């Protein structure tokens, strides 16, 4: 899998971490779109993207809702097909029986979220989702602190390295530490970007 570094473990819950996940060409395409969305009136407030008010104060956008049947227009929705390549899903599926059906993934949805100063996500469970894949990006040199991915029930956290990705089951409680960044305007884009892929298997048969 190119120069990707992979770590898989069942403890304290089944998950896979991929470092250096995207290559330079893919990253360039992703950043073109990230920079576009970090402009006024692009990302939405919590109530406007159907988020849970009080759980987070970070702005986001559901890319599938924007592009609907024209996903190929989006660099991110094109490049992130790499997540669902059979080799990537096989790595995750083999961790545990509870991850096994990930290899049969036939559905996904992508949300882009940007965290700047004072923004967070309280611990929660995505109870309607089978699996989650979080990809992380930030401009270098890094100007913010905080923003770690938290798993409070397991006393575990991930520092969210640039161009890293983590996959885990949707039943795992997770949250995001508050981001702190000084002397940086929101629209300069020196905060923490998270691209979330919700994915799993759905019965696509239509009832008569």
N, C-alpha and C. Protein backbone atom coordinates (compact mmCIF):
# COMPACT_ATOMS: atom_id res chain seq x y z
N UNK A 1 0.84 -1.21 0.00
CA UNK A 1 0.00 0.00 0.00
C UNK A 1 0.87 1.26 0.00
N UNK A 2 1.59 1.49 -1.10
CA UNK A 2 2.46 2.64 -1.25
C UNK A 2 3.41 2.77 -0.06
N UNK A 3 3.57 3.98 0.49
CA UNK A 3 4.42 4.18 1.67
C UNK A 3 3.58 4.37 2.93
N UNK A 4 2.38 3.84 2.91
CA UNK A 4 1.47 4.00 4.04
C UNK A 4 1.93 3.12 5.19
N UNK A 5 1.96 3.73 6.38
CA UNK A 5 2.28 2.98 7.59
C UNK A 5 0.97 2.61 8.28
N UNK A 6 0.78 1.33 8.57
CA UNK A 6 -0.49 0.85 9.12
C UNK A 6 -0.27 0.21 10.48
N UNK A 7 -1.15 0.56 11.42
CA UNK A 7 -1.13 -0.09 12.73
C UNK A 7 -2.55 -0.55 13.05
N UNK A 8 -2.72 -1.83 13.34
CA UNK A 8 -4.03 -2.37 13.67
C UNK A 8 -3.99 -2.99 15.05
N UNK A 9 -5.09 -2.90 15.77
CA UNK A 9 -5.15 -3.47 17.11
C UNK A 9 -6.61 -3.70 17.52
N UNK A 10 -6.82 -4.66 18.38
CA UNK A 10 -8.14 -4.90 18.96
C UNK A 10 -8.30 -4.19 20.29
N UNK A 11 -7.23 -3.58 20.79
CA UNK A 11 -7.26 -2.97 22.12
C UNK A 11 -7.00 -1.47 22.04
N UNK A 12 -7.73 -0.65 22.76
CA UNK A 12 -8.82 -1.02 23.69
C UNK A 12 -10.15 -1.27 22.98
N UNK A 13 -10.18 -1.08 21.65
CA UNK A 13 -11.32 -1.41 20.81
C UNK A 13 -10.74 -1.64 19.41
N UNK A 14 -11.43 -2.34 18.53
CA UNK A 14 -10.87 -2.61 17.20
C UNK A 14 -10.70 -1.32 16.39
N UNK A 15 -9.50 -1.07 15.91
CA UNK A 15 -9.28 0.09 15.06
C UNK A 15 -8.00 -0.07 14.25
N UNK A 16 -7.94 0.68 13.17
CA UNK A 16 -6.75 0.71 12.31
C UNK A 16 -6.35 2.16 12.09
N UNK A 17 -5.06 2.44 12.21
CA UNK A 17 -4.53 3.78 11.96
C UNK A 17 -3.59 3.71 10.77
N UNK A 18 -3.82 4.57 9.80
CA UNK A 18 -3.00 4.64 8.59
C UNK A 18 -2.30 5.99 8.59
N UNK A 19 -0.99 6.01 8.63
CA UNK A 19 -0.23 7.25 8.53
C UNK A 19 0.32 7.42 7.12
N UNK A 20 0.43 8.70 6.69
CA UNK A 20 0.88 9.00 5.33
C UNK A 20 -0.06 8.34 4.32
N UNK A 21 -1.38 8.48 4.57
CA UNK A 21 -2.37 7.74 3.80
C UNK A 21 -2.45 8.19 2.34
N UNK A 22 -2.43 9.50 2.11
CA UNK A 22 -2.54 10.02 0.75
C UNK A 22 -1.17 10.42 0.21
N UNK A 23 -0.95 10.20 -1.08
CA UNK A 23 0.32 10.61 -1.69
C UNK A 23 0.27 12.10 -2.03
N UNK A 24 1.36 12.64 -2.53
CA UNK A 24 1.46 14.09 -2.75
C UNK A 24 0.44 14.60 -3.76
N UNK A 25 0.20 13.85 -4.79
CA UNK A 25 -0.79 14.26 -5.80
C UNK A 25 -2.18 14.30 -5.19
N UNK A 26 -2.51 13.28 -4.43
CA UNK A 26 -3.82 13.22 -3.79
C UNK A 26 -3.99 14.34 -2.76
N UNK A 27 -2.92 14.60 -1.99
CA UNK A 27 -2.97 15.68 -1.01
C UNK A 27 -3.18 17.03 -1.66
N UNK A 28 -2.54 17.26 -2.79
CA UNK A 28 -2.70 18.52 -3.51
C UNK A 28 -4.15 18.74 -3.91
N UNK A 29 -4.80 17.69 -4.37
CA UNK A 29 -6.20 17.79 -4.75
C UNK A 29 -7.09 18.05 -3.54
N UNK A 30 -6.80 17.37 -2.45
CA UNK A 30 -7.58 17.57 -1.21
C UNK A 30 -7.44 19.01 -0.73
N UNK A 31 -6.22 19.53 -0.72
CA UNK A 31 -6.00 20.89 -0.21
C UNK A 31 -6.64 21.96 -1.10
N UNK A 32 -6.75 21.70 -2.38
CA UNK A 32 -7.46 22.65 -3.24
C UNK A 32 -8.89 22.86 -2.73
N UNK A 33 -9.52 21.75 -2.33
CA UNK A 33 -10.90 21.84 -1.86
C UNK A 33 -10.99 22.34 -0.43
N UNK A 34 -10.06 21.93 0.43
CA UNK A 34 -10.05 22.45 1.80
C UNK A 34 -9.90 23.96 1.81
N UNK A 35 -9.00 24.48 1.00
CA UNK A 35 -8.80 25.93 0.94
C UNK A 35 -10.05 26.65 0.43
N UNK A 36 -10.74 26.04 -0.51
CA UNK A 36 -11.97 26.63 -1.02
C UNK A 36 -13.02 26.75 0.08
N UNK A 37 -13.18 25.69 0.89
CA UNK A 37 -14.21 25.70 1.92
C UNK A 37 -13.84 26.57 3.11
N UNK A 38 -12.57 26.90 3.26
CA UNK A 38 -12.18 27.78 4.37
C UNK A 38 -12.24 29.23 3.91
N UNK A 39 -13.37 29.61 3.40
CA UNK A 39 -13.67 30.96 2.97
C UNK A 39 -15.03 31.33 3.55
N UNK A 40 -15.33 32.61 3.66
CA UNK A 40 -16.63 33.00 4.24
C UNK A 40 -17.82 32.37 3.52
N UNK A 41 -18.81 31.95 4.32
CA UNK A 41 -20.09 31.45 3.82
C UNK A 41 -20.00 30.12 3.08
N UNK A 42 -18.97 29.34 3.37
CA UNK A 42 -18.84 28.02 2.74
C UNK A 42 -19.24 26.90 3.70
N UNK A 43 -18.67 26.90 4.91
CA UNK A 43 -19.02 25.89 5.89
C UNK A 43 -20.27 26.33 6.66
N UNK A 44 -21.02 25.36 7.16
CA UNK A 44 -22.31 25.63 7.79
C UNK A 44 -22.24 25.50 9.31
N UNK A 45 -23.12 26.23 9.98
CA UNK A 45 -23.25 26.10 11.41
C UNK A 45 -23.94 24.78 11.77
N UNK A 46 -23.89 24.43 13.04
CA UNK A 46 -24.37 23.11 13.48
C UNK A 46 -25.81 22.83 13.05
N UNK A 47 -26.72 23.77 13.26
CA UNK A 47 -28.13 23.51 12.95
C UNK A 47 -28.36 23.37 11.45
N UNK A 48 -27.48 23.96 10.64
CA UNK A 48 -27.67 23.94 9.19
C UNK A 48 -27.15 22.67 8.52
N UNK A 49 -26.28 21.93 9.21
CA UNK A 49 -25.89 20.64 8.63
C UNK A 49 -26.46 19.48 9.46
N UNK A 50 -27.49 19.79 10.22
CA UNK A 50 -28.23 18.80 11.02
C UNK A 50 -27.34 18.15 12.07
N UNK A 51 -26.43 18.94 12.63
CA UNK A 51 -25.61 18.47 13.73
C UNK A 51 -26.38 18.58 15.04
N UNK A 52 -25.78 18.08 16.10
CA UNK A 52 -26.42 18.12 17.41
C UNK A 52 -25.99 19.40 18.13
N UNK A 53 -26.91 20.31 18.29
CA UNK A 53 -26.61 21.58 18.95
C UNK A 53 -26.23 21.32 20.40
N UNK A 54 -25.12 21.91 20.82
CA UNK A 54 -24.62 21.71 22.16
C UNK A 54 -23.53 20.67 22.23
N UNK A 55 -23.45 19.79 21.20
CA UNK A 55 -22.42 18.76 21.18
C UNK A 55 -21.13 19.27 20.58
N UNK A 56 -21.25 20.18 19.61
CA UNK A 56 -20.07 20.74 18.95
C UNK A 56 -20.37 22.17 18.53
N UNK A 57 -19.32 22.95 18.34
CA UNK A 57 -19.48 24.31 17.82
C UNK A 57 -18.66 24.52 16.56
N UNK A 58 -18.14 23.44 15.99
CA UNK A 58 -17.34 23.52 14.77
C UNK A 58 -18.24 23.50 13.54
N UNK A 59 -17.87 24.25 12.53
CA UNK A 59 -18.63 24.28 11.29
C UNK A 59 -18.26 23.09 10.41
N UNK A 60 -19.19 22.73 9.54
CA UNK A 60 -18.98 21.54 8.71
C UNK A 60 -19.84 21.63 7.46
N UNK A 61 -19.67 20.65 6.58
CA UNK A 61 -20.53 20.52 5.41
C UNK A 61 -20.56 19.06 4.99
N UNK A 62 -21.74 18.58 4.62
CA UNK A 62 -21.88 17.22 4.12
C UNK A 62 -21.69 17.27 2.61
N UNK A 63 -20.57 16.77 2.14
CA UNK A 63 -20.22 16.91 0.73
C UNK A 63 -21.18 16.17 -0.18
N UNK A 64 -21.70 15.04 0.25
CA UNK A 64 -22.64 14.29 -0.58
C UNK A 64 -23.92 15.09 -0.83
N UNK A 65 -24.31 15.90 0.14
CA UNK A 65 -25.51 16.73 -0.02
C UNK A 65 -25.28 17.83 -1.04
N UNK A 66 -24.04 18.30 -1.11
CA UNK A 66 -23.71 19.38 -2.06
C UNK A 66 -23.65 18.85 -3.48
N UNK A 67 -22.99 17.70 -3.65
CA UNK A 67 -22.73 17.19 -5.00
C UNK A 67 -23.72 16.12 -5.45
N UNK A 68 -24.47 15.56 -4.53
CA UNK A 68 -25.51 14.59 -4.83
C UNK A 68 -25.05 13.57 -5.88
N UNK A 69 -25.60 13.61 -7.08
CA UNK A 69 -25.26 12.62 -8.11
C UNK A 69 -24.07 13.03 -8.96
N UNK A 70 -23.32 14.05 -8.50
CA UNK A 70 -22.17 14.53 -9.27
C UNK A 70 -20.93 14.55 -8.39
N UNK A 71 -20.70 13.44 -7.71
CA UNK A 71 -19.60 13.34 -6.76
C UNK A 71 -18.24 13.58 -7.40
N UNK A 72 -18.10 13.26 -8.68
CA UNK A 72 -16.79 13.39 -9.34
C UNK A 72 -16.34 14.84 -9.45
N UNK A 73 -17.25 15.79 -9.24
CA UNK A 73 -16.87 17.21 -9.27
C UNK A 73 -15.98 17.53 -8.08
N UNK A 74 -16.19 16.85 -6.98
CA UNK A 74 -15.43 17.11 -5.75
C UNK A 74 -14.11 16.35 -5.75
N UNK A 75 -13.01 17.06 -5.54
CA UNK A 75 -11.71 16.41 -5.40
C UNK A 75 -11.72 15.41 -4.25
N UNK A 76 -12.29 15.84 -3.12
CA UNK A 76 -12.28 15.00 -1.92
C UNK A 76 -13.09 13.72 -2.14
N UNK A 77 -14.27 13.85 -2.70
CA UNK A 77 -15.11 12.68 -2.92
C UNK A 77 -14.53 11.74 -3.98
N UNK A 78 -13.64 12.27 -4.80
CA UNK A 78 -12.96 11.43 -5.79
C UNK A 78 -11.76 10.73 -5.16
N UNK A 79 -10.90 11.51 -4.50
CA UNK A 79 -9.67 10.96 -3.92
C UNK A 79 -9.96 10.01 -2.77
N UNK A 80 -11.02 10.28 -1.98
CA UNK A 80 -11.25 9.43 -0.81
C UNK A 80 -11.82 8.06 -1.15
N UNK A 81 -11.99 7.76 -2.45
CA UNK A 81 -12.34 6.38 -2.84
C UNK A 81 -11.24 5.42 -2.41
N UNK A 82 -10.06 5.97 -2.16
CA UNK A 82 -8.94 5.15 -1.71
C UNK A 82 -9.26 4.45 -0.39
N UNK A 83 -10.07 5.08 0.43
CA UNK A 83 -10.47 4.48 1.71
C UNK A 83 -11.19 3.16 1.48
N UNK A 84 -11.94 3.10 0.40
CA UNK A 84 -12.80 1.94 0.16
C UNK A 84 -12.20 0.95 -0.84
N UNK A 85 -10.90 1.12 -1.10
CA UNK A 85 -10.20 0.13 -1.92
C UNK A 85 -10.19 -1.20 -1.15
N UNK A 86 -10.26 -2.30 -1.85
CA UNK A 86 -10.36 -3.61 -1.20
C UNK A 86 -9.20 -3.87 -0.25
N UNK A 87 -8.00 -3.38 -0.57
CA UNK A 87 -6.85 -3.63 0.31
C UNK A 87 -6.99 -2.90 1.63
N UNK A 88 -7.48 -1.66 1.57
CA UNK A 88 -7.67 -0.88 2.80
C UNK A 88 -8.75 -1.51 3.67
N UNK A 89 -9.88 -1.83 3.08
CA UNK A 89 -10.98 -2.41 3.85
C UNK A 89 -10.63 -3.80 4.38
N UNK A 90 -9.79 -4.53 3.66
CA UNK A 90 -9.40 -5.85 4.12
C UNK A 90 -8.58 -5.76 5.40
N UNK A 91 -7.69 -4.77 5.45
CA UNK A 91 -6.89 -4.56 6.66
C UNK A 91 -7.79 -4.35 7.87
N UNK A 92 -8.77 -3.50 7.71
CA UNK A 92 -9.69 -3.20 8.81
C UNK A 92 -10.59 -4.39 9.13
N UNK A 93 -11.09 -5.04 8.11
CA UNK A 93 -12.02 -6.15 8.30
C UNK A 93 -11.40 -7.31 9.07
N UNK A 94 -10.09 -7.49 8.92
CA UNK A 94 -9.41 -8.62 9.54
C UNK A 94 -9.07 -8.42 11.01
N UNK A 95 -9.32 -7.23 11.55
CA UNK A 95 -8.97 -6.95 12.94
C UNK A 95 -9.81 -7.79 13.90
N UNK A 96 -11.11 -7.83 13.62
CA UNK A 96 -12.04 -8.46 14.56
C UNK A 96 -13.30 -8.87 13.81
N UNK A 97 -14.02 -9.84 14.37
CA UNK A 97 -15.28 -10.25 13.74
C UNK A 97 -16.26 -9.09 13.61
N UNK A 98 -16.22 -8.15 14.55
CA UNK A 98 -17.17 -7.04 14.50
C UNK A 98 -16.85 -6.06 13.36
N UNK A 99 -15.68 -6.20 12.75
CA UNK A 99 -15.30 -5.35 11.61
C UNK A 99 -15.44 -6.09 10.29
N UNK A 100 -15.77 -7.39 10.35
CA UNK A 100 -15.70 -8.25 9.19
C UNK A 100 -16.50 -7.82 7.99
N UNK A 101 -17.70 -7.24 8.21
CA UNK A 101 -18.54 -6.88 7.06
C UNK A 101 -18.07 -5.60 6.37
N UNK A 102 -17.08 -4.92 6.93
CA UNK A 102 -16.59 -3.69 6.29
C UNK A 102 -16.08 -3.97 4.88
N UNK A 103 -15.58 -5.15 4.64
CA UNK A 103 -15.05 -5.50 3.31
C UNK A 103 -16.15 -5.52 2.25
N UNK A 104 -17.41 -5.58 2.70
CA UNK A 104 -18.53 -5.59 1.76
C UNK A 104 -19.20 -4.22 1.65
N UNK A 105 -18.51 -3.21 2.09
CA UNK A 105 -19.06 -1.85 2.09
C UNK A 105 -19.67 -1.49 0.73
N UNK A 106 -20.90 -0.99 0.77
CA UNK A 106 -21.56 -0.55 -0.47
C UNK A 106 -22.22 0.83 -0.31
N UNK A 107 -21.86 1.51 0.78
CA UNK A 107 -22.46 2.83 1.04
C UNK A 107 -21.51 3.67 1.87
N UNK A 108 -21.43 4.97 1.56
CA UNK A 108 -20.64 5.88 2.40
C UNK A 108 -21.16 7.30 2.24
N UNK A 109 -20.84 8.12 3.21
CA UNK A 109 -21.20 9.53 3.20
C UNK A 109 -20.05 10.31 3.81
N UNK A 110 -19.74 11.47 3.24
CA UNK A 110 -18.55 12.22 3.65
C UNK A 110 -18.91 13.60 4.19
N UNK A 111 -18.37 13.90 5.36
CA UNK A 111 -18.57 15.21 5.99
C UNK A 111 -17.21 15.86 6.22
N UNK A 112 -17.10 17.13 5.87
CA UNK A 112 -15.88 17.91 6.13
C UNK A 112 -16.15 18.83 7.31
N UNK A 113 -15.24 18.79 8.30
CA UNK A 113 -15.39 19.65 9.47
C UNK A 113 -14.07 20.38 9.72
N UNK A 114 -14.18 21.65 10.13
CA UNK A 114 -12.99 22.45 10.40
C UNK A 114 -13.07 22.99 11.83
N UNK A 115 -12.00 22.76 12.60
CA UNK A 115 -11.93 23.22 13.99
C UNK A 115 -10.90 24.34 14.10
N UNK A 116 -11.37 25.49 14.60
CA UNK A 116 -10.46 26.61 14.87
C UNK A 116 -10.48 26.87 16.38
N UNK A 117 -10.02 28.03 16.79
CA UNK A 117 -9.86 28.32 18.21
C UNK A 117 -11.16 28.16 19.00
N UNK A 118 -11.10 27.39 20.10
CA UNK A 118 -12.24 27.22 20.98
C UNK A 118 -13.26 26.22 20.49
N UNK A 119 -12.97 25.49 19.44
CA UNK A 119 -13.95 24.56 18.88
C UNK A 119 -13.65 23.12 19.30
N UNK A 120 -14.69 22.32 19.42
CA UNK A 120 -14.58 21.00 20.03
C UNK A 120 -15.73 20.12 19.55
N UNK A 121 -15.71 18.86 19.98
CA UNK A 121 -16.85 17.95 19.81
C UNK A 121 -16.92 17.08 21.06
N UNK A 122 -18.01 17.18 21.78
CA UNK A 122 -18.15 16.41 23.02
C UNK A 122 -18.27 14.92 22.69
N UNK A 123 -17.85 14.05 23.61
CA UNK A 123 -17.93 12.60 23.38
C UNK A 123 -19.35 12.15 23.04
N UNK A 124 -19.45 11.30 22.04
CA UNK A 124 -20.74 10.83 21.55
C UNK A 124 -20.56 9.51 20.80
N UNK A 125 -21.65 8.87 20.48
CA UNK A 125 -21.64 7.64 19.69
C UNK A 125 -22.45 7.88 18.42
N UNK A 126 -21.89 7.50 17.29
CA UNK A 126 -22.63 7.57 16.03
C UNK A 126 -23.42 6.26 15.89
N UNK A 127 -24.49 6.19 16.64
CA UNK A 127 -25.19 4.91 16.84
C UNK A 127 -25.89 4.38 15.60
N UNK A 128 -26.11 5.22 14.60
CA UNK A 128 -26.77 4.74 13.38
C UNK A 128 -25.78 4.35 12.30
N UNK A 129 -24.48 4.45 12.58
CA UNK A 129 -23.45 4.15 11.59
C UNK A 129 -22.70 2.88 11.95
N UNK A 130 -22.42 2.05 10.95
CA UNK A 130 -21.68 0.82 11.20
C UNK A 130 -20.19 1.12 11.46
N UNK A 131 -19.60 1.94 10.58
CA UNK A 131 -18.16 2.21 10.69
C UNK A 131 -17.86 3.67 10.39
N UNK A 132 -16.73 4.13 10.93
CA UNK A 132 -16.27 5.50 10.73
C UNK A 132 -14.82 5.49 10.27
N UNK A 133 -14.49 6.44 9.41
CA UNK A 133 -13.09 6.65 9.01
C UNK A 133 -12.83 8.15 9.05
N UNK A 134 -11.92 8.58 9.91
CA UNK A 134 -11.58 9.99 10.06
C UNK A 134 -10.21 10.24 9.43
N UNK A 135 -10.14 11.21 8.52
CA UNK A 135 -8.87 11.64 7.93
C UNK A 135 -8.55 13.04 8.45
N UNK A 136 -7.27 13.29 8.78
CA UNK A 136 -6.89 14.55 9.41
C UNK A 136 -5.86 15.31 8.59
N UNK A 137 -6.03 16.63 8.56
CA UNK A 137 -5.13 17.49 7.80
C UNK A 137 -4.95 18.82 8.52
N UNK A 138 -3.76 19.38 8.41
CA UNK A 138 -3.52 20.75 8.89
C UNK A 138 -2.32 21.31 8.16
N UNK A 139 -2.31 22.66 8.08
CA UNK A 139 -1.20 23.34 7.42
C UNK A 139 0.03 23.30 8.31
N UNK A 140 1.17 23.19 7.70
CA UNK A 140 2.43 23.19 8.44
C UNK A 140 3.21 24.45 8.16
N UNK A 141 3.92 25.01 9.15
CA UNK A 141 4.06 24.47 10.50
C UNK A 141 2.74 24.55 11.28
N UNK A 142 2.52 23.56 12.12
CA UNK A 142 1.30 23.48 12.91
C UNK A 142 1.21 24.64 13.89
N UNK A 143 0.04 25.31 13.93
CA UNK A 143 -0.13 26.48 14.78
C UNK A 143 -1.11 26.27 15.94
N UNK A 144 -1.74 25.13 16.00
CA UNK A 144 -2.73 24.91 17.05
C UNK A 144 -2.29 23.81 18.00
N UNK A 145 -2.87 23.85 19.18
CA UNK A 145 -2.71 22.76 20.14
C UNK A 145 -4.09 22.18 20.41
N UNK A 146 -4.13 21.03 21.06
CA UNK A 146 -5.41 20.37 21.29
C UNK A 146 -5.88 19.67 20.03
N UNK A 147 -7.18 19.39 19.98
CA UNK A 147 -7.76 18.75 18.81
C UNK A 147 -7.56 17.25 18.76
N UNK A 148 -7.11 16.65 19.86
CA UNK A 148 -6.91 15.21 19.86
C UNK A 148 -8.26 14.49 19.77
N UNK A 149 -8.27 13.33 19.14
CA UNK A 149 -9.43 12.48 19.10
C UNK A 149 -9.48 11.68 20.39
N UNK A 150 -10.58 11.82 21.13
CA UNK A 150 -10.68 11.22 22.46
C UNK A 150 -11.60 10.02 22.47
N UNK A 151 -11.24 9.04 23.27
CA UNK A 151 -12.08 7.88 23.53
C UNK A 151 -12.15 7.73 25.05
N UNK A 152 -12.97 8.56 25.72
CA UNK A 152 -12.93 8.66 27.18
C UNK A 152 -13.25 7.36 27.92
N UNK A 153 -14.13 6.53 27.37
CA UNK A 153 -14.47 5.28 28.05
C UNK A 153 -13.29 4.32 28.11
N UNK A 154 -12.33 4.55 27.22
CA UNK A 154 -11.18 3.64 27.12
C UNK A 154 -9.88 4.29 27.58
N UNK A 155 -9.97 5.54 28.07
CA UNK A 155 -8.78 6.27 28.50
C UNK A 155 -7.73 6.25 27.40
N UNK A 156 -8.16 6.63 26.21
CA UNK A 156 -7.31 6.50 25.01
C UNK A 156 -7.51 7.74 24.15
N UNK A 157 -6.48 8.19 23.49
CA UNK A 157 -6.61 9.32 22.58
C UNK A 157 -5.64 9.18 21.41
N UNK A 158 -5.95 9.88 20.32
CA UNK A 158 -5.12 9.90 19.12
C UNK A 158 -4.75 11.34 18.83
N UNK A 159 -3.46 11.58 18.56
CA UNK A 159 -3.00 12.94 18.32
C UNK A 159 -3.40 13.50 16.96
N UNK A 160 -3.86 12.66 16.05
CA UNK A 160 -4.36 13.10 14.74
C UNK A 160 -3.26 13.76 13.91
N UNK A 161 -2.23 12.99 13.59
CA UNK A 161 -1.14 13.49 12.76
C UNK A 161 -1.65 13.92 11.40
N UNK A 162 -0.92 14.84 10.79
CA UNK A 162 -1.28 15.30 9.45
C UNK A 162 -1.28 14.13 8.47
N UNK A 163 -2.31 14.04 7.64
CA UNK A 163 -2.44 12.99 6.63
C UNK A 163 -2.52 11.60 7.27
N UNK A 164 -3.21 11.52 8.40
CA UNK A 164 -3.44 10.22 9.04
C UNK A 164 -4.93 9.89 8.93
N UNK A 165 -5.24 8.62 9.10
CA UNK A 165 -6.61 8.15 9.02
C UNK A 165 -6.83 7.06 10.07
N UNK A 166 -7.97 7.09 10.71
CA UNK A 166 -8.33 6.04 11.67
C UNK A 166 -9.69 5.48 11.30
N UNK A 167 -9.82 4.16 11.39
CA UNK A 167 -11.09 3.46 11.16
C UNK A 167 -11.49 2.73 12.43
N UNK A 168 -12.77 2.80 12.79
CA UNK A 168 -13.25 2.05 13.95
C UNK A 168 -14.76 1.89 13.85
N UNK A 169 -15.34 0.98 14.62
CA UNK A 169 -16.79 0.76 14.57
C UNK A 169 -17.57 1.96 15.12
N UNK A 170 -18.79 2.13 14.62
CA UNK A 170 -19.60 3.27 15.01
C UNK A 170 -20.06 3.25 16.46
N UNK A 171 -19.99 2.09 17.11
CA UNK A 171 -20.45 2.01 18.50
C UNK A 171 -19.44 2.54 19.51
N UNK A 172 -18.25 2.91 19.04
CA UNK A 172 -17.20 3.40 19.94
C UNK A 172 -17.41 4.89 20.23
N UNK A 173 -17.56 5.23 21.50
CA UNK A 173 -17.72 6.64 21.88
C UNK A 173 -16.44 7.41 21.59
N UNK A 174 -16.59 8.63 21.03
CA UNK A 174 -15.42 9.44 20.67
C UNK A 174 -15.78 10.92 20.72
N UNK A 175 -14.78 11.76 20.87
CA UNK A 175 -14.97 13.20 20.89
C UNK A 175 -13.68 13.89 20.47
N UNK A 176 -13.70 15.21 20.46
CA UNK A 176 -12.53 15.99 20.03
C UNK A 176 -12.21 17.04 21.09
N UNK A 177 -10.97 17.03 21.57
CA UNK A 177 -10.50 18.05 22.51
C UNK A 177 -10.60 19.44 21.89
N UNK A 178 -10.85 20.42 22.71
CA UNK A 178 -10.92 21.80 22.23
C UNK A 178 -9.61 22.23 21.59
N UNK A 179 -9.72 22.90 20.45
CA UNK A 179 -8.56 23.42 19.73
C UNK A 179 -8.21 24.81 20.25
N UNK A 180 -6.93 25.06 20.40
CA UNK A 180 -6.45 26.38 20.81
C UNK A 180 -5.45 26.88 19.79
N UNK A 181 -5.71 28.06 19.24
CA UNK A 181 -4.81 28.65 18.25
C UNK A 181 -4.83 30.17 18.41
N UNK A 182 -3.67 30.74 18.55
CA UNK A 182 -3.54 32.17 18.79
C UNK A 182 -2.99 32.88 17.55
N UNK A 183 -3.37 34.15 17.39
CA UNK A 183 -2.83 35.00 16.32
C UNK A 183 -3.01 34.38 14.93
N UNK A 184 -4.18 33.81 14.72
CA UNK A 184 -4.48 33.24 13.41
C UNK A 184 -5.95 33.44 13.10
N UNK A 185 -6.23 34.10 12.01
CA UNK A 185 -7.60 34.34 11.59
C UNK A 185 -8.25 33.02 11.14
N UNK A 186 -9.53 32.87 11.40
CA UNK A 186 -10.25 31.64 11.05
C UNK A 186 -10.02 31.26 9.59
N UNK A 187 -10.09 32.24 8.71
CA UNK A 187 -10.05 31.96 7.27
C UNK A 187 -8.64 31.77 6.72
N UNK A 188 -7.64 31.87 7.58
CA UNK A 188 -6.29 31.51 7.15
C UNK A 188 -6.13 29.99 7.09
N UNK A 189 -7.01 29.29 7.77
CA UNK A 189 -7.04 27.84 7.65
C UNK A 189 -5.94 27.10 8.38
N UNK A 190 -5.47 27.66 9.51
CA UNK A 190 -4.42 26.98 10.27
C UNK A 190 -4.96 26.13 11.41
N UNK A 191 -6.24 25.81 11.34
CA UNK A 191 -6.83 24.93 12.34
C UNK A 191 -6.74 23.47 11.93
N UNK A 192 -7.66 22.69 12.43
CA UNK A 192 -7.66 21.23 12.26
C UNK A 192 -8.81 20.80 11.35
N UNK A 193 -8.47 20.18 10.24
CA UNK A 193 -9.48 19.67 9.31
C UNK A 193 -9.71 18.19 9.57
N UNK A 194 -10.97 17.79 9.58
CA UNK A 194 -11.32 16.37 9.70
C UNK A 194 -12.31 16.02 8.60
N UNK A 195 -11.98 15.03 7.83
CA UNK A 195 -12.90 14.51 6.82
C UNK A 195 -13.41 13.18 7.33
N UNK A 196 -14.70 13.13 7.61
CA UNK A 196 -15.31 11.93 8.17
C UNK A 196 -16.03 11.15 7.09
N UNK A 197 -15.72 9.88 7.01
CA UNK A 197 -16.44 8.97 6.12
C UNK A 197 -17.26 8.01 6.97
N UNK A 198 -18.58 8.11 6.88
CA UNK A 198 -19.47 7.14 7.48
C UNK A 198 -19.67 6.05 6.42
N UNK A 199 -19.55 4.78 6.81
CA UNK A 199 -19.68 3.76 5.77
C UNK A 199 -20.18 2.44 6.35
N UNK A 200 -20.61 1.58 5.44
CA UNK A 200 -21.11 0.28 5.87
C UNK A 200 -21.84 -0.42 4.75
N UNK A 201 -22.71 -1.32 5.13
CA UNK A 201 -23.47 -2.13 4.18
C UNK A 201 -24.96 -1.82 4.33
N UNK A 202 -25.61 -1.58 3.21
CA UNK A 202 -27.04 -1.33 3.23
C UNK A 202 -27.73 -2.23 2.22
N UNK A 203 -28.95 -2.61 2.54
CA UNK A 203 -29.76 -3.38 1.62
C UNK A 203 -30.35 -2.41 0.61
N UNK A 204 -29.89 -2.49 -0.62
CA UNK A 204 -30.31 -1.54 -1.65
C UNK A 204 -31.50 -2.04 -2.45
N UNK A 205 -32.10 -3.16 -2.05
CA UNK A 205 -33.28 -3.66 -2.75
C UNK A 205 -34.46 -2.73 -2.50
N UNK A 206 -35.17 -2.42 -3.54
CA UNK A 206 -36.33 -1.53 -3.39
C UNK A 206 -37.59 -2.37 -3.19
N UNK A 207 -38.38 -1.94 -2.22
CA UNK A 207 -39.61 -2.67 -1.96
C UNK A 207 -40.69 -2.24 -2.94
N UNK A 208 -41.56 -3.17 -3.29
CA UNK A 208 -42.63 -2.87 -4.25
C UNK A 208 -43.85 -2.28 -3.54
